[in-house]
Amino acid sequence: MGIRKFLMAGALALASVSALGLSAHAEDVKITVWSLDKDIQPAPNLVKEFNDLKNGITVEYRQIQFDDVVSEAMRAYSTGQAPDIIAVDNPEHAMFSSRGAFLDLTDRIAKSTVIKPENYYPGPLKSVMWDGKYFGVPKATNTIALYYNKDMFKAKGLDPNKPPQTWDELVADARKLTDPANNVYGLAFSAKASEEGTFQFLPWAQMGGGGYQQINAPGAVKALEIWKTIMDDKLASPDSLTRGQWDSTGTFNSGNAAMAISGPWELDRMLEEAKFDWGVALLPVPEAGAQRSSAMGDFNWAIFSNTQHPDEAFKVLEYFASQDDKMFAKYGQLPARSDIVIAPTGKPLKDEALKVFLEQLKYAQPRGPHPAWPKISKAIQDAIQAALTGQMSPKDALDQAAEKISAVLG
């Protein structure tokens, strides 16, 4: 071969290597993420921010609908079409984990300098665990507490700085505040035959010494008896049986209820809609000094076990977790972590309310965790509806629920 041909061959070889190198560099690892979040919520924005880092991993985002999460995700997993990462409602996490659908992250979390279990509230952390291992990372969290109308308290001779602390006080105050002539109920809450009803009732059962495994404990029966008193005596609207928390809070905001049980997701709406002085208090307990509890909501991140890129997917989760301190300021969502201090918003009502919700989070408990949670929840919902509509006594309804749950637990 002549030197000219040799040089040309060498140049072509170098060009080929260079082209291959460029091609390899251009082919980022692709990680897919599914979540319910819309464009004003965290997930799609976190994905965009991560992609802006241009670190060799590209994340593709898909928004899915709430009712489709379980069915579509399990179908995708069973057919090998699952995304790498998904956000699931915390009570459904155990179902996926127990079936081997989610990747065990225990070892990766142990080595992580970003995701540290000790930084999370106990409730959210427990919701990502199964069989003593971590199968996810809490995405955000929320809970419920008692909103109350201070102006109505004053008008009825109640101390606006002393909201009800016990169940009996709650009923007594609701009775004084109920004003049929002005279409005002003492309390607004959701007893709907859905997960919202379970979400609102379970903390009462837990504070009464019960829980989903002892749903008919004496204290839980007393809790449902109090709910029945509230409904029978028309201290709450009859449609509490059919409406969710959003509508219940709307009743409070409009001045048609003096108190409401709801969550921090309502704060901005309340600032805009409620034309009165209001405050937030911890959920009342059975009696002074009794244990506290509260519901725990929101979603968890998880990686599907059949991902082809587990290390890269975990890096994405680490980035998401690294932005937890911005979740409230940017999106109004509470981080699931106790090590993050939320800066004051400059809105006194909101800042005071936040202090209460953050205190309440210390007592928030997950629903379950159990792989058959939907069946357990349905048994609780049925009991609530049967008792409040007079079909069964609270005790009989919860005894029946306990039998159904026992069959599920085995």
Protein backbone atom coordinates (compact mmCIF):
# COMPACT_ATOMS: atom_id res chain seq x y z
CA MET A 1 0.00 0.00 0.00
CA GLY A 2 1.35 3.44 -0.96
CA ILE A 3 1.79 6.07 1.67
CA ARG A 4 -1.04 8.15 0.20
CA LYS A 5 -3.46 5.22 0.37
CA PHE A 6 -2.19 4.39 3.87
CA LEU A 7 -2.84 7.91 5.11
CA MET A 8 -6.30 7.94 3.55
CA ALA A 9 -7.13 4.60 5.14
CA GLY A 10 -5.91 5.88 8.49
CA ALA A 11 -8.00 9.01 8.17
CA LEU A 12 -11.07 6.96 7.35
CA ALA A 13 -10.42 4.71 10.33
CA LEU A 14 -10.07 7.71 12.65
CA ALA A 15 -13.25 9.22 11.22
CA SER A 16 -15.09 5.97 11.85
CA VAL A 17 -13.85 5.79 15.46
CA SER A 18 -14.76 9.43 15.95
CA ALA A 19 -18.22 8.88 14.51
CA LEU A 20 -18.74 5.89 16.76
CA GLY A 21 -17.60 7.91 19.74
CA LEU A 22 -19.98 10.72 18.93
CA SER A 23 -22.77 8.22 18.42
CA ALA A 24 -22.05 6.58 21.77
CA HIS A 25 -21.96 9.94 23.47
CA ALA A 26 -25.20 11.00 21.85
CA GLU A 27 -27.02 7.87 22.98
CA ASP A 28 -27.99 8.78 26.53
CA VAL A 29 -29.47 6.14 28.79
CA LYS A 30 -33.24 6.67 28.66
CA ILE A 31 -35.25 6.46 31.86
CA THR A 32 -39.04 6.62 31.74
CA VAL A 33 -41.13 8.11 34.56
CA TRP A 34 -44.89 7.76 35.10
CA SER A 35 -46.78 10.01 37.50
CA LEU A 36 -50.11 11.76 37.97
CA ASP A 37 -48.45 15.16 38.15
CA LYS A 38 -49.58 17.87 35.75
CA ASP A 39 -47.33 20.61 34.41
CA ILE A 40 -47.80 22.78 37.51
CA GLN A 41 -46.80 19.91 39.81
CA PRO A 42 -43.38 18.48 40.69
CA ALA A 43 -42.72 15.46 38.45
CA PRO A 44 -42.63 17.00 34.94
CA ASN A 45 -40.65 19.97 36.24
CA LEU A 46 -38.15 17.76 38.06
CA VAL A 47 -37.73 15.76 34.87
CA LYS A 48 -37.00 18.91 32.87
CA GLU A 49 -34.49 20.13 35.45
CA PHE A 50 -32.77 16.75 35.49
CA ASN A 51 -32.54 16.67 31.70
CA ASP A 52 -31.00 20.15 31.74
CA LEU A 53 -28.04 18.65 33.62
CA LYS A 54 -27.08 16.71 30.46
CA ASN A 55 -25.32 14.02 32.45
CA GLY A 56 -25.78 11.13 30.04
CA ILE A 57 -29.22 10.16 31.32
CA THR A 58 -32.37 11.40 29.61
CA VAL A 59 -35.71 11.10 31.37
CA GLU A 60 -38.96 10.76 29.45
CA TYR A 61 -42.15 11.66 31.31
CA ARG A 62 -45.69 10.37 30.94
CA GLN A 63 -48.70 11.62 32.90
CA ILE A 64 -51.21 8.92 33.83
CA GLN A 65 -54.66 9.10 35.43
CA PHE A 66 -55.35 8.22 39.06
CA ASP A 67 -57.87 5.48 38.30
CA ASP A 68 -55.44 3.81 35.88
CA VAL A 69 -52.32 3.67 38.03
CA VAL A 70 -52.69 0.18 39.49
CA SER A 71 -54.22 -1.62 36.51
CA GLU A 72 -52.02 -0.02 33.87
CA ALA A 73 -48.82 -0.30 35.90
CA MET A 74 -49.33 -3.99 36.73
CA ARG A 75 -50.26 -4.77 33.13
CA ALA A 76 -47.16 -2.95 31.89
CA TYR A 77 -44.98 -4.81 34.39
CA SER A 78 -46.37 -8.24 33.50
CA THR A 79 -45.78 -7.62 29.78
CA GLY A 80 -42.31 -6.17 30.21
CA GLN A 81 -43.46 -2.68 29.22
CA ALA A 82 -43.23 -1.00 32.62
CA PRO A 83 -41.55 2.37 33.03
CA ASP A 84 -38.34 2.55 34.99
CA ILE A 85 -39.85 4.79 37.67
CA ILE A 86 -43.42 5.32 38.84
CA ALA A 87 -45.20 7.35 41.50
CA VAL A 88 -47.88 5.35 43.35
CA ASP A 89 -50.32 6.24 46.10
CA ASN A 90 -48.70 5.21 49.38
CA PRO A 91 -51.29 2.57 50.44
CA GLU A 92 -50.78 0.74 47.14
CA HIS A 93 -46.99 0.54 47.47
CA ALA A 94 -47.01 -2.74 49.41
CA MET A 95 -49.07 -4.51 46.76
CA PHE A 96 -46.39 -3.91 44.13
CA SER A 97 -43.51 -4.62 46.52
CA SER A 98 -44.95 -7.90 47.76
CA ARG A 99 -45.36 -9.16 44.19
CA GLY A 100 -41.78 -8.47 43.25
CA ALA A 101 -42.73 -5.61 40.93
CA PHE A 102 -40.61 -3.00 42.69
CA LEU A 103 -36.84 -3.04 43.00
CA ASP A 104 -35.33 -3.52 46.45
CA LEU A 105 -33.46 -0.27 47.10
CA THR A 106 -32.12 -1.14 50.54
CA ASP A 107 -28.45 -1.46 49.58
CA ARG A 108 -28.51 1.57 47.30
CA ILE A 109 -30.15 3.71 50.00
CA ALA A 110 -27.55 2.53 52.54
CA LYS A 111 -24.79 3.86 50.26
CA SER A 112 -26.59 7.05 49.23
CA THR A 113 -25.43 10.43 50.49
CA VAL A 114 -28.74 11.99 49.38
CA ILE A 115 -31.49 9.62 50.51
CA LYS A 116 -31.17 9.01 54.25
CA PRO A 117 -33.95 7.13 56.05
CA GLU A 118 -33.39 9.00 59.30
CA ASN A 119 -34.43 12.24 57.60
CA TYR A 120 -37.96 11.04 56.83
CA TYR A 121 -41.06 11.14 59.00
CA PRO A 122 -41.83 7.63 60.33
CA GLY A 123 -45.17 7.30 58.53
CA PRO A 124 -44.00 8.04 54.98
CA LEU A 125 -40.88 5.92 55.50
CA LYS A 126 -42.92 2.96 56.71
CA SER A 127 -45.11 3.16 53.61
CA VAL A 128 -42.18 2.32 51.27
CA MET A 129 -41.10 -0.67 53.34
CA TRP A 130 -41.97 -4.32 52.89
CA ASP A 131 -40.49 -7.27 54.75
CA GLY A 132 -38.02 -4.92 56.46
CA LYS A 133 -36.60 -3.56 53.19
CA TYR A 134 -36.95 -0.32 51.25
CA PHE A 135 -38.81 -0.57 47.96
CA GLY A 136 -39.17 3.12 47.27
CA VAL A 137 -38.66 6.70 48.39
CA PRO A 138 -41.40 9.01 49.72
CA LYS A 139 -42.27 11.63 47.10
CA ALA A 140 -44.22 14.02 49.32
CA THR A 141 -46.70 13.74 52.15
CA ASN A 142 -49.78 15.29 53.67
CA THR A 143 -52.11 14.75 56.57
CA ILE A 144 -55.35 16.08 58.03
CA ALA A 145 -56.17 18.42 60.89
CA LEU A 146 -59.09 20.52 62.11
CA TYR A 147 -59.83 23.86 60.43
CA TYR A 148 -62.10 26.15 62.45
CA ASN A 149 -63.83 29.48 61.90
CA LYS A 150 -62.66 31.83 64.67
CA ASP A 151 -65.33 34.40 63.87
CA MET A 152 -68.08 31.83 64.40
CA PHE A 153 -66.45 30.69 67.64
CA LYS A 154 -66.60 34.26 68.93
CA ALA A 155 -70.18 34.75 67.80
CA LYS A 156 -71.30 31.62 69.71
CA GLY A 157 -69.39 32.53 72.87
CA LEU A 158 -66.56 30.04 72.31
CA ASP A 159 -62.92 30.95 72.83
CA PRO A 160 -61.35 31.30 69.36
CA ASN A 161 -57.99 30.41 70.84
CA LYS A 162 -59.27 27.15 72.31
CA PRO A 163 -60.45 24.82 69.56
CA PRO A 164 -61.76 21.40 70.68
CA GLN A 165 -59.09 19.10 72.02
CA THR A 166 -61.12 15.93 72.64
CA TRP A 167 -63.90 14.07 70.85
CA ASP A 168 -66.48 15.18 73.41
CA GLU A 169 -65.38 18.79 73.05
CA LEU A 170 -65.63 18.50 69.26
CA VAL A 171 -69.24 17.29 69.49
CA ALA A 172 -70.14 19.92 72.09
CA ASP A 173 -68.62 22.74 70.02
CA ALA A 174 -70.24 21.45 66.82
CA ARG A 175 -73.59 21.46 68.62
CA LYS A 176 -73.19 25.08 69.71
CA LEU A 177 -71.97 26.17 66.28
CA THR A 178 -74.70 24.45 64.27
CA ASP A 179 -77.21 27.07 63.12
CA PRO A 180 -79.93 25.61 60.86
CA ALA A 181 -81.59 29.00 60.38
CA ASN A 182 -78.46 30.27 58.66
CA ASN A 183 -77.63 26.95 56.96
CA VAL A 184 -74.50 26.46 59.09
CA TYR A 185 -73.33 23.04 60.20
CA GLY A 186 -70.94 22.55 63.08
CA LEU A 187 -68.58 20.28 61.15
CA ALA A 188 -67.69 19.32 57.59
CA PHE A 189 -65.87 16.06 56.84
CA SER A 190 -65.93 13.19 54.36
CA ALA A 191 -67.50 9.84 55.15
CA LYS A 192 -67.64 8.93 51.47
CA ALA A 193 -67.61 5.28 50.40
CA SER A 194 -64.14 5.61 48.92
CA GLU A 195 -60.53 5.81 50.06
CA GLU A 196 -61.31 9.32 51.32
CA GLY A 197 -63.72 7.89 53.91
CA THR A 198 -61.08 5.44 55.13
CA PHE A 199 -58.48 8.22 55.08
CA GLN A 200 -60.62 10.29 57.44
CA PHE A 201 -61.86 7.53 59.75
CA LEU A 202 -58.77 5.40 60.27
CA PRO A 203 -56.97 7.98 62.48
CA TRP A 204 -59.99 8.00 64.79
CA ALA A 205 -59.83 4.22 65.06
CA GLN A 206 -56.09 4.39 65.73
CA MET A 207 -56.52 7.05 68.41
CA GLY A 208 -59.13 4.78 69.97
CA GLY A 209 -56.59 1.99 70.28
CA GLY A 210 -57.60 0.18 67.11
CA GLY A 211 -56.44 0.19 63.52
CA TYR A 212 -57.12 -1.80 60.41
CA GLN A 213 -56.06 -5.00 62.21
CA GLN A 214 -58.34 -4.20 65.17
CA ILE A 215 -61.00 -2.13 63.44
CA ASN A 216 -63.63 -3.21 65.98
CA ALA A 217 -61.61 -2.26 69.08
CA PRO A 218 -63.82 -0.55 71.70
CA GLY A 219 -62.22 2.83 71.00
CA ALA A 220 -62.82 2.45 67.28
CA VAL A 221 -66.46 1.59 67.93
CA LYS A 222 -66.76 4.72 70.07
CA ALA A 223 -65.28 6.76 67.24
CA LEU A 224 -67.91 5.51 64.78
CA GLU A 225 -70.61 6.11 67.39
CA ILE A 226 -69.49 9.74 67.58
CA TRP A 227 -69.59 10.01 63.79
CA LYS A 228 -73.13 8.63 63.92
CA THR A 229 -74.14 11.17 66.58
CA ILE A 230 -72.77 13.96 64.42
CA MET A 231 -74.79 12.73 61.43
CA ASP A 232 -77.99 11.82 63.33
CA ASP A 233 -78.09 15.18 65.11
CA LYS A 234 -77.41 17.03 61.85
CA LEU A 235 -74.21 18.58 63.15
CA ALA A 236 -72.80 17.86 59.69
CA SER A 237 -74.47 17.92 56.30
CA PRO A 238 -76.23 14.70 55.21
CA ASP A 239 -74.17 14.71 52.01
CA SER A 240 -71.04 14.07 54.07
CA LEU A 241 -71.80 10.46 53.12
CA THR A 242 -71.30 11.13 49.43
CA ARG A 243 -68.90 14.04 49.01
CA GLY A 244 -65.13 14.15 49.22
CA GLN A 245 -62.78 16.34 51.18
CA TRP A 246 -62.58 19.03 48.49
CA ASP A 247 -66.34 19.67 48.61
CA SER A 248 -66.39 19.45 52.41
CA THR A 249 -63.76 22.15 52.64
CA GLY A 250 -65.73 24.21 50.13
CA THR A 251 -68.64 24.15 52.59
CA PHE A 252 -66.34 25.52 55.28
CA ASN A 253 -64.88 28.18 52.98
CA SER A 254 -68.34 29.40 52.03
CA GLY A 255 -69.29 29.90 55.69
CA ASN A 256 -71.72 26.97 55.80
CA ALA A 257 -69.68 24.94 58.29
CA ALA A 258 -67.87 26.15 61.40
CA MET A 259 -65.21 23.43 61.37
CA ALA A 260 -63.77 21.09 58.76
CA ILE A 261 -61.40 18.14 58.74
CA SER A 262 -59.08 18.45 55.77
CA GLY A 263 -55.47 18.82 54.70
CA PRO A 264 -52.75 21.32 53.83
CA TRP A 265 -53.54 21.03 50.13
CA GLU A 266 -56.43 23.42 50.87
CA LEU A 267 -54.36 26.27 52.29
CA ASP A 268 -53.99 28.43 49.19
CA ARG A 269 -57.61 27.88 48.21
CA MET A 270 -58.70 28.82 51.71
CA LEU A 271 -56.68 32.03 51.67
CA GLU A 272 -58.50 32.97 48.49
CA GLU A 273 -62.02 31.81 49.31
CA ALA A 274 -62.52 32.10 53.08
CA LYS A 275 -63.63 35.63 53.99
CA PHE A 276 -63.23 35.17 57.74
CA ASP A 277 -60.58 34.57 60.40
CA TRP A 278 -59.68 30.91 60.65
CA GLY A 279 -57.17 28.63 62.32
CA VAL A 280 -56.01 25.02 62.36
CA ALA A 281 -55.79 22.65 65.33
CA LEU A 282 -54.53 19.11 65.81
CA LEU A 283 -57.16 16.40 65.42
CA PRO A 284 -59.07 15.96 68.68
CA VAL A 285 -58.18 12.88 70.73
CA PRO A 286 -60.54 10.50 72.61
CA GLU A 287 -59.61 12.10 75.93
CA ALA A 288 -56.92 14.37 77.30
CA GLY A 289 -53.52 12.69 77.13
CA ALA A 290 -54.59 9.99 74.68
CA GLN A 291 -52.30 8.93 71.85
CA ARG A 292 -52.50 11.00 68.67
CA SER A 293 -52.78 9.80 65.13
CA SER A 294 -53.48 11.24 61.74
CA ALA A 295 -53.92 10.13 58.16
CA MET A 296 -51.01 10.09 55.78
CA GLY A 297 -51.47 10.86 52.13
CA ASP A 298 -49.55 11.48 48.92
CA PHE A 299 -47.32 9.35 46.72
CA ASN A 300 -44.06 7.41 46.74
CA TRP A 301 -41.42 6.94 44.06
CA ALA A 302 -40.46 3.40 43.10
CA ILE A 303 -38.30 1.68 40.50
CA PHE A 304 -39.73 -1.34 38.69
CA SER A 305 -37.70 -4.50 39.25
CA ASN A 306 -37.44 -5.28 35.53
CA THR A 307 -35.74 -2.00 34.67
CA GLN A 308 -32.71 -2.38 32.41
CA HIS A 309 -31.00 0.58 34.10
CA PRO A 310 -31.36 0.30 37.88
CA ASP A 311 -28.31 2.43 38.72
CA GLU A 312 -29.32 5.25 36.40
CA ALA A 313 -32.92 5.12 37.64
CA PHE A 314 -31.70 5.42 41.23
CA LYS A 315 -29.63 8.47 40.25
CA VAL A 316 -32.83 10.05 38.98
CA LEU A 317 -34.54 9.32 42.31
CA GLU A 318 -31.60 10.82 44.16
CA TYR A 319 -31.97 14.00 42.12
CA PHE A 320 -35.70 14.14 42.85
CA ALA A 321 -35.00 13.71 46.57
CA SER A 322 -32.32 16.41 46.45
CA GLN A 323 -35.03 18.90 45.47
CA ASP A 324 -37.35 18.11 48.39
CA ASP A 325 -36.52 21.40 50.08
CA LYS A 326 -38.16 23.26 47.19
CA MET A 327 -41.36 21.22 47.06
CA PHE A 328 -43.46 23.48 49.25
CA ALA A 329 -42.24 26.82 47.94
CA LYS A 330 -42.66 25.76 44.30
CA TYR A 331 -45.61 23.39 44.38
CA GLY A 332 -47.29 23.67 47.76
CA GLN A 333 -46.47 20.05 48.64
CA LEU A 334 -45.07 19.08 52.01
CA PRO A 335 -41.79 17.15 51.89
CA ALA A 336 -41.91 13.79 53.65
CA ARG A 337 -38.81 14.80 55.60
CA SER A 338 -38.43 16.15 59.10
CA ASP A 339 -34.97 17.61 58.38
CA ILE A 340 -36.33 20.27 56.01
CA VAL A 341 -37.34 23.62 57.46
CA ILE A 342 -40.10 25.31 55.48
CA ALA A 343 -39.47 29.03 55.23
CA PRO A 344 -42.27 31.40 56.27
CA THR A 345 -44.51 32.44 53.41
CA GLY A 346 -45.22 35.88 54.83
CA LYS A 347 -48.92 34.99 55.08
CA PRO A 348 -49.72 34.72 58.81
CA LEU A 349 -52.76 32.43 58.50
CA LYS A 350 -50.89 30.04 56.24
CA ASP A 351 -47.71 30.04 58.33
CA GLU A 352 -49.61 29.31 61.56
CA ALA A 353 -51.55 26.55 59.86
CA LEU A 354 -48.36 24.99 58.52
CA LYS A 355 -46.93 24.71 62.01
CA VAL A 356 -49.93 22.64 63.02
CA PHE A 357 -49.80 20.38 59.96
CA LEU A 358 -46.09 19.78 60.46
CA GLU A 359 -46.78 18.87 64.09
CA GLN A 360 -49.62 16.59 63.00
CA LEU A 361 -47.29 14.82 60.56
CA LYS A 362 -45.31 13.47 63.48
CA TYR A 363 -48.30 11.26 64.27
CA ALA A 364 -49.36 10.40 60.71
CA GLN A 365 -49.57 6.67 59.97
CA PRO A 366 -49.70 4.91 56.61
CA ARG A 367 -52.73 2.93 55.53
CA GLY A 368 -51.35 -0.57 55.87
CA PRO A 369 -48.83 -1.27 54.50
CA HIS A 370 -50.54 -4.35 53.13
CA PRO A 371 -50.65 -5.81 49.61
CA ALA A 372 -54.43 -6.24 49.81
CA TRP A 373 -55.13 -2.73 51.08
CA PRO A 374 -58.00 -2.01 48.64
CA LYS A 375 -59.99 -4.93 50.10
CA ILE A 376 -59.21 -3.84 53.65
CA SER A 377 -60.22 -0.28 52.89
CA LYS A 378 -63.47 -1.43 51.24
CA ALA A 379 -64.43 -3.29 54.40
CA ILE A 380 -63.90 -0.12 56.45
CA GLN A 381 -65.85 2.01 53.95
CA ASP A 382 -68.77 -0.42 54.01
CA ALA A 383 -68.84 -0.32 57.81
CA ILE A 384 -68.90 3.47 57.88
CA GLN A 385 -71.76 3.62 55.39
CA ALA A 386 -73.77 0.87 57.12
CA ALA A 387 -73.48 2.56 60.51
CA LEU A 388 -74.15 6.12 59.39
CA THR A 389 -77.17 5.17 57.29
CA GLY A 390 -78.69 3.16 60.14
CA GLN A 391 -78.43 -0.24 58.46
CA MET A 392 -76.31 -1.58 61.32
CA SER A 393 -75.10 -0.41 64.70
CA PRO A 394 -71.53 0.94 64.75
CA LYS A 395 -70.40 -2.13 66.70
CA ASP A 396 -72.07 -4.63 64.38
CA ALA A 397 -70.75 -2.79 61.32
CA LEU A 398 -67.18 -2.82 62.61
CA ASP A 399 -67.47 -6.43 63.78
CA GLN A 400 -68.47 -7.35 60.25
CA ALA A 401 -65.58 -5.31 58.86
CA ALA A 402 -63.20 -7.07 61.25
CA GLU A 403 -64.35 -10.46 59.93
CA LYS A 404 -63.78 -9.38 56.32
CA ILE A 405 -60.35 -7.97 57.14
CA SER A 406 -59.41 -11.10 59.10
CA ALA A 407 -60.20 -13.20 56.03
CA VAL A 408 -57.94 -10.95 53.95
CA LEU A 409 -55.10 -11.07 56.46
CA GLY A 410 -55.37 -14.86 56.72
